[in-house]
Amino acid sequence: MKAWILEDIGKINYVEDAPLPAIKENEVLVKVKAVGICGSDIPRVFQNGAHKMPLIIGHEFSGQVEKIGIKVNNKWQNKRVGIFPLMPCMECSACKAKKYEMCSNYNYLGSRTNGAFAEYVAVPEWNLIEIPDNVSFEQAAMLEPMAVAVHAMRRLDFNEDMSVAISGLGTIGQLLTMFLLEKGIKNLYAIGNKKLQKDSVLSLGLPEENYYDYTLGNPYDWIFGKTNGKLLNAYFDCVGKNETFATGLKLAGNEAQICIVGNPYTDINIPKELHWGILKKQLRITGTWNSSFYGESDDVISDDWKYVIYRLSKNLIHPENLITHRFPLGELESGLKIMNYKLDEYIKILVIQ
C-alpha cells in the first residue's frame, strides 16, 4: 500500500510498497477515506519525533471497513466508520471507571502504532463508531478534534446567559465556537489574531462585534465593557501560552470557570497579583484531555463522540466549512509544510483518498 513513514525527526518518506496491515482477531482493516493533519503532528514530524520510529502517523480519520478479524461482529463489514484513536489498556483504574481518555498505559494510532497517513489501517473493533449515511467522510475525519472540543466544553457548567470567551482560534477554538453557538450561548466572545480566523468564526454565526483582535492589545477593557464590568463567567485558553493564561485570569469574574485547552508552548508563571485573584475571586481552573468514548452504546450523547455524531446526523453543525486545504495522499508533505513553516493561512487541512 501507499503510505508516509516517519523515519526520524524531519524525515518523512512516501512509499508505494509498504506492507498491508495484518489484522488481529479483534481488529478490522479500514480503507482510509479522509484524514486530517493535527497540530500535534507538526512537532511529531519536525521537532520531537514519535514514541517509536519508523511509524505511519495520522490519527484524525474516517474510512470504510474492508476486512474483519475472526472475532469481530459481522455487522462491521463494509461499514463507514470514524475511529477513536486511543486504545486503552482496560486494566488501570481510569479504564475501570470508563475514563479511557486518562488511561495510564494506552496505545495510540498514529503516535505509538501505525496510523492513517496511508491507504489502510488496522483498527480494534472497540474503537469504531459507525457514521450515518448523511455524514460525509470529510466530516467524519473531523470527529476526533470535534470530540476534543466538546470534551473541553463539557468540563464546564453552562447556562445561556453566561459570558464566555475563547482565546485562540485554531481548529479547536473554531470548533468550540461552533459547539457553544449551537448550545445557545448568547454572550460568546472570540479572541484571535488572524483575518482568516475572524472570517471563519463570523461565518459560524458569531456577531462581528463579539470578535476581538489580539494585535490591538489586551482585551480587558473590551470585555469589561461587553459585560458591564462583571467580566467573564467562563474562559477557554486554546493557545497554551503564559500570556493567554494570564489574560484569562484577568478577564475572569467572581467564581468564573477557566478551562486550559491548548498544549503548553511555554512555562506558565503566575504573578502574585494574579495568584491573589484566583483566591479572592474563587476561580475554578480545570484541564481537559482528549475526549470521552465508551464504545457501543444506545445513549446518543453518552460520550463526546456520540454527542458529535448526533449533531452531525441532524445537520446542526458543519465542520466541513473549516476545511481550508485538501490534498491527495501523495501530497501530504505539502500540508505539513504549510503548517510548520506558515506558508499559508489555514484552519483545517485534510488528505482525501
Protein backbone atom coordinates (compact mmCIF):
# COMPACT_ATOMS: atom_id res chain seq x y z
CA MET A 1 0.00 0.00 0.00
CA LYS A 2 0.98 3.65 -0.28
CA ALA A 3 2.00 5.31 2.98
CA TRP A 4 4.01 8.10 4.56
CA ILE A 5 6.56 6.73 7.01
CA LEU A 6 8.18 8.92 9.65
CA GLU A 7 11.72 7.53 9.74
CA ASP A 8 13.25 10.13 12.05
CA ILE A 9 12.80 13.75 13.10
CA GLY A 10 12.41 15.80 9.92
CA LYS A 11 12.47 12.71 7.72
CA ILE A 12 9.08 11.54 6.45
CA ASN A 13 9.10 9.45 3.27
CA TYR A 14 6.38 8.48 0.80
CA VAL A 15 6.48 4.82 -0.22
CA GLU A 16 4.25 2.83 -2.55
CA ASP A 17 5.17 -0.65 -1.31
CA ALA A 18 4.51 -0.53 2.43
CA PRO A 19 3.15 -3.84 3.76
CA LEU A 20 -0.60 -4.07 4.16
CA PRO A 21 -1.51 -4.18 7.90
CA ALA A 22 -2.14 -7.68 9.22
CA ILE A 23 -5.26 -7.59 11.36
CA LYS A 24 -5.64 -9.44 14.66
CA GLU A 25 -8.74 -11.45 15.56
CA ASN A 26 -10.40 -8.42 17.22
CA GLU A 27 -9.40 -5.90 14.55
CA VAL A 28 -10.67 -4.66 11.21
CA LEU A 29 -8.88 -3.36 8.15
CA VAL A 30 -10.05 0.18 7.37
CA LYS A 31 -9.62 1.75 3.94
CA VAL A 32 -8.79 5.37 4.77
CA LYS A 33 -11.04 7.88 3.01
CA ALA A 34 -10.10 11.15 4.71
CA VAL A 35 -7.53 12.11 7.33
CA GLY A 36 -6.77 15.43 8.97
CA ILE A 37 -3.39 16.87 9.88
CA CYS A 38 -3.45 17.61 13.60
CA GLY A 39 -1.40 20.40 15.15
CA SER A 40 0.33 17.70 17.22
CA ASP A 41 1.57 16.06 14.00
CA ILE A 42 3.80 19.05 13.28
CA PRO A 43 6.20 18.72 16.27
CA ARG A 44 5.94 14.96 15.81
CA VAL A 45 7.39 15.30 12.30
CA PHE A 46 9.69 18.29 12.58
CA GLN A 47 10.79 18.63 16.21
CA ASN A 48 10.30 15.74 18.60
CA GLY A 49 9.62 12.60 16.61
CA ALA A 50 7.13 9.89 17.59
CA HIS A 51 7.28 7.48 20.52
CA LYS A 52 8.81 4.93 18.18
CA MET A 53 10.04 5.18 14.63
CA PRO A 54 9.70 4.26 11.82
CA LEU A 55 5.98 4.92 12.14
CA ILE A 56 2.99 5.83 9.99
CA ILE A 57 1.42 8.81 11.76
CA GLY A 58 -2.05 10.36 11.39
CA HIS A 59 -4.90 9.87 13.87
CA GLU A 60 -7.86 12.02 12.73
CA PHE A 61 -9.50 9.83 10.11
CA SER A 62 -12.52 8.10 8.66
CA GLY A 63 -12.88 5.22 6.27
CA GLN A 64 -14.65 2.04 5.29
CA VAL A 65 -14.16 -1.43 6.76
CA GLU A 66 -12.85 -3.82 4.11
CA LYS A 67 -11.91 -6.86 6.19
CA ILE A 68 -12.78 -8.09 9.68
CA GLY A 69 -10.99 -10.34 12.17
CA ILE A 70 -12.46 -13.70 13.14
CA LYS A 71 -13.84 -12.39 16.46
CA VAL A 72 -15.29 -9.17 15.05
CA ASN A 73 -19.06 -8.76 14.68
CA ASN A 74 -20.04 -9.30 11.03
CA LYS A 75 -22.09 -6.11 11.11
CA TRP A 76 -18.91 -4.08 10.63
CA GLN A 77 -18.16 -5.48 7.19
CA ASN A 78 -18.22 -2.60 4.65
CA LYS A 79 -19.42 -0.11 7.27
CA ARG A 80 -18.49 3.57 7.00
CA VAL A 81 -16.68 4.42 10.23
CA GLY A 82 -14.97 7.04 12.32
CA ILE A 83 -12.17 5.94 14.64
CA PHE A 84 -11.36 6.78 18.25
CA PRO A 85 -7.54 6.65 18.03
CA LEU A 86 -6.74 5.94 21.69
CA MET A 87 -6.52 2.25 22.54
CA PRO A 88 -6.95 1.90 26.31
CA CYS A 89 -5.42 -0.88 28.38
CA MET A 90 -8.79 -1.67 30.04
CA GLU A 91 -6.95 -2.63 33.24
CA CYS A 92 -5.93 0.60 35.01
CA SER A 93 -8.12 2.48 37.48
CA ALA A 94 -9.07 5.11 34.87
CA CYS A 95 -10.22 2.44 32.42
CA LYS A 96 -12.23 0.63 35.07
CA ALA A 97 -14.01 3.93 35.72
CA LYS A 98 -14.60 4.33 31.95
CA LYS A 99 -12.29 7.35 31.90
CA TYR A 100 -10.45 5.84 28.96
CA GLU A 101 -9.00 9.19 27.88
CA MET A 102 -6.93 9.13 31.09
CA CYS A 103 -5.65 5.56 30.68
CA SER A 104 -2.18 5.19 32.19
CA ASN A 105 -0.99 2.53 29.73
CA TYR A 106 -2.61 3.31 26.41
CA ASN A 107 -1.63 2.75 22.81
CA TYR A 108 -2.47 5.31 20.15
CA LEU A 109 -2.99 5.12 16.41
CA GLY A 110 -0.63 7.48 14.63
CA SER A 111 1.73 8.22 17.51
CA ARG A 112 2.55 4.87 19.16
CA THR A 113 1.37 2.45 16.48
CA ASN A 114 0.79 2.84 12.76
CA GLY A 115 -1.88 5.36 11.81
CA ALA A 116 -3.76 6.84 8.89
CA PHE A 117 -1.36 8.64 6.54
CA ALA A 118 -1.67 5.50 4.45
CA GLU A 119 -4.22 3.66 2.36
CA TYR A 120 -5.12 1.16 5.10
CA VAL A 121 -5.07 0.94 8.91
CA ALA A 122 -5.64 -1.93 11.34
CA VAL A 123 -8.16 -0.79 13.99
CA PRO A 124 -9.60 -2.62 17.02
CA GLU A 125 -13.36 -3.22 16.77
CA TRP A 126 -13.92 -1.37 20.08
CA ASN A 127 -12.53 1.86 18.55
CA LEU A 128 -15.03 2.01 15.70
CA ILE A 129 -18.04 4.31 15.53
CA GLU A 130 -20.50 3.95 12.66
CA ILE A 131 -21.19 7.12 10.74
CA PRO A 132 -24.69 7.84 9.40
CA ASP A 133 -25.27 7.84 5.65
CA ASN A 134 -25.80 11.62 5.61
CA VAL A 135 -22.40 12.28 7.23
CA SER A 136 -19.53 12.59 4.78
CA PHE A 137 -16.08 11.06 5.18
CA GLU A 138 -14.66 14.58 5.37
CA GLN A 139 -16.95 15.45 8.26
CA ALA A 140 -16.17 12.16 9.97
CA ALA A 141 -12.43 12.76 9.66
CA MET A 142 -13.01 15.72 11.98
CA LEU A 143 -14.76 13.64 14.66
CA GLU A 144 -11.63 13.48 16.81
CA PRO A 145 -10.93 17.23 17.04
CA MET A 146 -14.67 17.89 17.40
CA ALA A 147 -14.86 15.45 20.31
CA VAL A 148 -11.82 17.15 21.88
CA ALA A 149 -13.63 20.49 21.66
CA VAL A 150 -16.82 19.00 23.11
CA HIS A 151 -14.85 17.38 25.94
CA ALA A 152 -13.44 20.78 26.90
CA MET A 153 -16.89 22.36 26.69
CA ARG A 154 -18.44 19.66 28.86
CA ARG A 155 -15.81 20.21 31.56
CA LEU A 156 -17.64 23.43 32.48
CA ASP A 157 -21.17 24.21 33.63
CA PHE A 158 -23.21 26.50 31.40
CA ASN A 159 -26.39 28.45 31.12
CA GLU A 160 -27.43 30.51 28.10
CA ASP A 161 -26.86 33.88 29.78
CA MET A 162 -23.23 33.31 30.74
CA SER A 163 -20.44 35.45 29.30
CA VAL A 164 -17.90 33.11 27.69
CA ALA A 165 -14.66 33.84 25.83
CA ILE A 166 -12.45 31.64 23.68
CA SER A 167 -8.83 32.69 23.26
CA GLY A 168 -7.06 31.04 20.33
CA LEU A 169 -8.97 30.32 17.14
CA GLY A 170 -7.13 27.41 15.59
CA THR A 171 -9.08 24.26 14.80
CA ILE A 172 -10.12 23.51 18.39
CA GLY A 173 -11.03 27.13 19.12
CA GLN A 174 -13.12 27.27 15.95
CA LEU A 175 -14.89 24.03 16.85
CA LEU A 176 -15.52 25.23 20.39
CA THR A 177 -17.09 28.34 18.90
CA MET A 178 -19.28 26.16 16.70
CA PHE A 179 -20.49 23.96 19.56
CA LEU A 180 -21.07 26.82 22.02
CA LEU A 181 -23.13 28.69 19.43
CA GLU A 182 -25.10 25.52 18.74
CA LYS A 183 -25.59 25.17 22.51
CA GLY A 184 -27.22 28.60 22.54
CA ILE A 185 -24.61 30.64 24.41
CA LYS A 186 -25.65 34.23 23.66
CA ASN A 187 -22.72 36.18 25.10
CA LEU A 188 -19.87 34.39 23.36
CA TYR A 189 -16.65 36.26 22.60
CA ALA A 190 -13.76 35.12 20.41
CA ILE A 191 -10.20 36.43 20.71
CA GLY A 192 -7.87 35.83 17.78
CA ASN A 193 -5.15 37.42 15.70
CA LYS A 194 -5.64 36.33 12.08
CA LYS A 195 -8.07 37.57 9.44
CA LEU A 196 -8.88 34.03 8.26
CA GLN A 197 -9.78 33.03 11.81
CA LYS A 198 -12.02 36.07 12.16
CA ASP A 199 -13.76 35.40 8.85
CA SER A 200 -14.28 31.79 9.88
CA VAL A 201 -15.86 32.43 13.30
CA LEU A 202 -18.11 35.08 11.76
CA SER A 203 -19.24 32.52 9.17
CA LEU A 204 -20.11 30.19 12.06
CA GLY A 205 -22.55 32.80 13.34
CA LEU A 206 -20.51 34.84 15.82
CA PRO A 207 -21.54 38.52 15.66
CA GLU A 208 -18.67 40.70 14.41
CA GLU A 209 -18.93 42.90 17.49
CA ASN A 210 -18.10 39.82 19.60
CA TYR A 211 -14.69 39.30 17.96
CA TYR A 212 -11.54 40.90 19.38
CA ASP A 213 -8.24 41.18 17.53
CA TYR A 214 -5.43 40.38 19.99
CA THR A 215 -3.00 42.50 17.97
CA LEU A 216 -4.88 45.56 19.30
CA GLY A 217 -3.63 44.81 22.82
CA ASN A 218 -5.03 43.28 25.97
CA PRO A 219 -8.81 42.72 25.68
CA TYR A 220 -9.55 43.59 29.33
CA ASP A 221 -11.23 46.95 28.67
CA TRP A 222 -13.20 45.44 25.78
CA ILE A 223 -14.52 42.54 27.89
CA PHE A 224 -15.16 44.92 30.81
CA GLY A 225 -17.40 46.99 28.55
CA LYS A 226 -19.13 44.00 26.98
CA THR A 227 -20.04 42.56 30.38
CA ASN A 228 -20.91 45.83 32.14
CA GLY A 229 -17.98 45.34 34.46
CA LYS A 230 -18.91 41.82 35.56
CA LEU A 231 -16.18 40.20 33.42
CA LEU A 232 -16.40 36.58 32.25
CA ASN A 233 -18.17 33.54 33.65
CA ALA A 234 -16.02 31.17 31.59
CA TYR A 235 -12.78 31.36 29.61
CA PHE A 236 -11.18 28.78 27.32
CA ASP A 237 -7.43 29.08 26.72
CA CYS A 238 -6.88 27.29 23.41
CA VAL A 239 -3.34 28.66 22.99
CA GLY A 240 -1.26 27.33 25.88
CA LYS A 241 0.98 30.34 26.42
CA ASN A 242 1.74 32.20 29.62
CA GLU A 243 0.27 35.38 28.12
CA THR A 244 -3.12 33.88 27.26
CA PHE A 245 -3.46 32.09 30.60
CA ALA A 246 -2.67 35.32 32.45
CA THR A 247 -5.21 37.12 30.28
CA GLY A 248 -7.83 34.59 31.32
CA LEU A 249 -7.12 35.17 35.00
CA LYS A 250 -7.58 38.91 34.49
CA LEU A 251 -10.77 38.55 32.46
CA ALA A 252 -12.39 36.10 34.88
CA GLY A 253 -15.16 37.42 37.10
CA ASN A 254 -16.13 36.14 40.53
CA GLU A 255 -16.44 32.33 40.66
CA ALA A 256 -15.58 32.08 36.97
CA GLN A 257 -14.50 28.87 35.30
CA ILE A 258 -11.27 28.60 33.28
CA CYS A 259 -10.54 25.63 31.03
CA ILE A 260 -6.96 25.14 29.83
CA VAL A 261 -7.27 23.50 26.41
CA GLY A 262 -4.12 24.27 24.42
CA ASN A 263 -0.99 22.15 24.73
CA PRO A 264 1.69 24.18 26.55
CA TYR A 265 4.00 26.29 24.42
CA THR A 266 5.74 27.85 27.41
CA ASP A 267 6.14 27.50 31.14
CA ILE A 268 3.23 29.08 32.98
CA ASN A 269 4.28 31.59 35.64
CA ILE A 270 1.60 33.26 37.73
CA PRO A 271 2.44 36.71 39.18
CA LYS A 272 1.48 37.25 42.81
CA GLU A 273 -1.36 39.64 41.91
CA LEU A 274 -2.96 37.05 39.64
CA HIS A 275 -2.49 34.36 42.27
CA TRP A 276 -4.41 36.61 44.67
CA GLY A 277 -7.11 36.93 42.02
CA ILE A 278 -7.54 33.14 41.86
CA LEU A 279 -8.09 33.11 45.61
CA LYS A 280 -10.25 36.18 46.02
CA LYS A 281 -12.44 35.53 43.01
CA GLN A 282 -12.64 31.83 43.93
CA LEU A 283 -11.89 30.75 40.38
CA ARG A 284 -12.32 27.18 39.21
CA ILE A 285 -9.49 26.13 36.88
CA THR A 286 -9.64 22.83 35.05
CA GLY A 287 -7.64 20.98 32.46
CA THR A 288 -9.05 18.88 29.64
CA TRP A 289 -7.51 15.93 27.86
CA ASN A 290 -8.57 14.04 24.76
CA SER A 291 -12.25 13.02 24.68
CA SER A 292 -14.65 10.50 26.18
CA PHE A 293 -15.54 7.39 24.20
CA TYR A 294 -17.36 4.33 25.55
CA GLY A 295 -17.57 2.10 22.51
CA GLU A 296 -21.04 0.94 21.53
CA SER A 297 -23.93 2.43 23.50
CA ASP A 298 -27.60 3.17 22.92
CA ASP A 299 -27.31 6.59 24.54
CA VAL A 300 -26.96 9.12 21.72
CA ILE A 301 -25.00 11.61 23.83
CA SER A 302 -23.38 9.36 26.44
CA ASP A 303 -19.86 10.26 25.33
CA ASP A 304 -18.28 13.11 23.39
CA TRP A 305 -18.18 11.17 20.13
CA LYS A 306 -21.88 10.32 20.22
CA TYR A 307 -22.65 13.92 21.16
CA VAL A 308 -20.89 14.98 17.94
CA ILE A 309 -22.35 12.22 15.73
CA TYR A 310 -25.87 13.11 16.82
CA ARG A 311 -25.41 16.76 15.84
CA LEU A 312 -23.84 15.83 12.53
CA SER A 313 -26.73 13.48 11.75
CA LYS A 314 -29.21 16.28 12.44
CA ASN A 315 -27.26 18.84 10.36
CA LEU A 316 -26.84 21.04 13.42
CA ILE A 317 -23.11 21.56 12.84
CA HIS A 318 -20.98 21.91 9.71
CA PRO A 319 -17.29 21.27 10.44
CA GLU A 320 -16.55 20.87 6.73
CA ASN A 321 -16.76 24.66 6.45
CA LEU A 322 -13.48 24.86 8.37
CA ILE A 323 -11.53 22.87 5.78
CA THR A 324 -9.18 25.27 4.01
CA HIS A 325 -6.91 22.82 2.15
CA ARG A 326 -7.36 19.37 0.62
CA PHE A 327 -4.52 17.23 -0.70
CA PRO A 328 -4.27 13.74 -2.18
CA LEU A 329 -2.25 11.25 -0.13
CA GLY A 330 0.86 11.71 -2.25
CA GLU A 331 0.93 15.43 -1.43
CA LEU A 332 0.64 15.15 2.35
CA GLU A 333 4.05 16.78 2.81
CA SER A 334 2.71 20.00 1.26
CA GLY A 335 0.14 20.24 4.05
CA LEU A 336 2.74 19.51 6.72
CA LYS A 337 4.98 22.26 5.37
CA ILE A 338 2.14 24.79 5.22
CA MET A 339 1.52 24.23 8.92
CA ASN A 340 5.14 24.05 10.04
CA TYR A 341 6.53 26.96 8.03
CA LYS A 342 3.32 29.07 7.98
CA LEU A 343 3.36 29.17 4.18
CA ASP A 344 -0.34 29.97 4.01
CA GLU A 345 -3.21 30.74 6.37
CA TYR A 346 -5.15 27.61 7.25
CA ILE A 347 -7.66 26.20 9.69
CA LYS A 348 -8.06 22.53 8.80
CA ILE A 349 -6.01 20.60 6.26
CA LEU A 350 -7.30 17.23 5.07
CA VAL A 351 -5.85 14.43 2.98
CA ILE A 352 -8.52 12.89 0.77
CA GLN A 353 -8.33 9.41 -0.75
